[in-house]
Amino acid sequence: MGRGRKIKGTVSGRKLPPLVYGLKGIQDLFDVSKTTASRYKNTIIKDAVTQQGGKIVIDTAEALRLFGLKTADKLIQTADVLD
């Protein structure tokens, strides 16, 4: 399977926790830099992010779903341009 695909609680063969914490959690989940993790937190996956006190908490399944929707939208837009 391709990188980033969710198959029964795993991504690229990694077992996923139900929640990840902070920018580091986003970095690990999506294998991105701190800058990109911050951008994702504030845009693509913002509906999966909550804050408990000073701690950022991310719902892993929802974040991956939202990221997948964004990726699918880009593919559809690209296909429309090519038609």
Protein backbone atom coordinates (compact mmCIF):
# COMPACT_ATOMS: atom_id res chain seq x y z
CA MET A 1 0.00 0.00 0.00
CA GLY A 2 1.06 3.59 -0.62
CA ARG A 3 2.41 5.82 2.07
CA GLY A 4 -0.22 7.39 4.28
CA ARG A 5 -3.03 4.93 3.54
CA LYS A 6 -5.10 3.88 6.51
CA ILE A 7 -5.78 0.15 6.71
CA LYS A 8 -7.49 -1.12 9.88
CA GLY A 9 -5.74 1.21 12.31
CA THR A 10 -2.35 1.26 10.59
CA VAL A 11 -0.51 3.65 8.31
CA SER A 12 2.33 2.20 6.27
CA GLY A 13 2.38 -0.80 8.57
CA ARG A 14 2.48 1.28 11.78
CA LYS A 15 -0.12 0.68 14.46
CA LEU A 16 -1.78 3.99 15.34
CA PRO A 17 -2.79 5.30 18.76
CA PRO A 18 -6.32 6.76 19.01
CA LEU A 19 -4.86 10.15 19.98
CA VAL A 20 -1.59 11.94 19.31
CA TYR A 21 -0.33 14.97 21.19
CA GLY A 22 1.25 18.24 20.14
CA LEU A 23 3.03 19.20 16.97
CA LYS A 24 5.39 16.27 17.52
CA GLY A 25 2.41 13.91 17.28
CA ILE A 26 1.34 15.48 13.98
CA GLN A 27 4.94 15.32 12.73
CA ASP A 28 5.13 11.61 13.53
CA LEU A 29 1.67 10.83 12.15
CA PHE A 30 2.23 12.49 8.78
CA ASP A 31 6.05 12.29 8.67
CA VAL A 32 6.41 16.05 8.10
CA SER A 33 8.48 18.93 9.45
CA LYS A 34 7.43 21.04 12.43
CA THR A 35 6.45 23.91 10.10
CA THR A 36 4.25 21.64 7.98
CA ALA A 37 2.74 20.06 11.12
CA SER A 38 1.78 23.52 12.35
CA ARG A 39 0.20 24.34 8.98
CA TYR A 40 -1.78 21.07 9.01
CA LYS A 41 -2.96 21.79 12.59
CA ASN A 42 -4.32 25.17 11.58
CA THR A 43 -5.83 24.15 8.23
CA ILE A 44 -6.40 20.63 6.94
CA ILE A 45 -6.92 18.79 10.25
CA LYS A 46 -8.17 21.67 12.44
CA ASP A 47 -11.50 19.88 13.11
CA ALA A 48 -9.59 16.92 14.60
CA VAL A 49 -7.60 19.15 16.96
CA THR A 50 -8.64 20.11 20.49
CA GLN A 51 -6.73 21.83 23.22
CA GLN A 52 -6.79 20.63 26.84
CA GLY A 53 -5.01 23.23 28.91
CA GLY A 54 -1.64 23.72 27.28
CA LYS A 55 -1.75 20.36 25.50
CA ILE A 56 -2.78 19.91 21.85
CA VAL A 57 -4.74 16.68 21.33
CA ILE A 58 -5.38 15.21 17.88
CA ASP A 59 -7.93 12.51 17.07
CA THR A 60 -5.83 10.28 14.82
CA ALA A 61 -8.66 8.69 12.81
CA GLU A 62 -10.38 12.04 12.20
CA ALA A 63 -7.10 13.73 11.21
CA LEU A 64 -6.38 11.01 8.66
CA ARG A 65 -9.93 11.18 7.33
CA LEU A 66 -9.73 14.97 6.91
CA PHE A 67 -6.31 14.71 5.28
CA GLY A 68 -7.69 12.08 2.90
CA LEU A 69 -10.61 14.32 1.97
CA LYS A 70 -8.25 17.20 1.23
CA THR A 71 -6.05 14.94 -0.90
CA ALA A 72 -9.09 13.60 -2.77
CA ASP A 73 -10.32 17.15 -3.44
CA LYS A 74 -6.94 18.08 -4.94
CA LEU A 75 -7.01 14.99 -7.17
CA ILE A 76 -10.52 15.84 -8.37
CA GLN A 77 -9.54 19.45 -9.09
CA THR A 78 -6.46 18.29 -10.99
CA ALA A 79 -8.55 15.86 -13.04
CA ASP A 80 -11.03 18.65 -13.87
CA VAL A 81 -8.20 20.84 -15.15
CA LEU A 82 -6.83 18.03 -17.32
CA ASP A 83 -10.22 17.31 -18.96
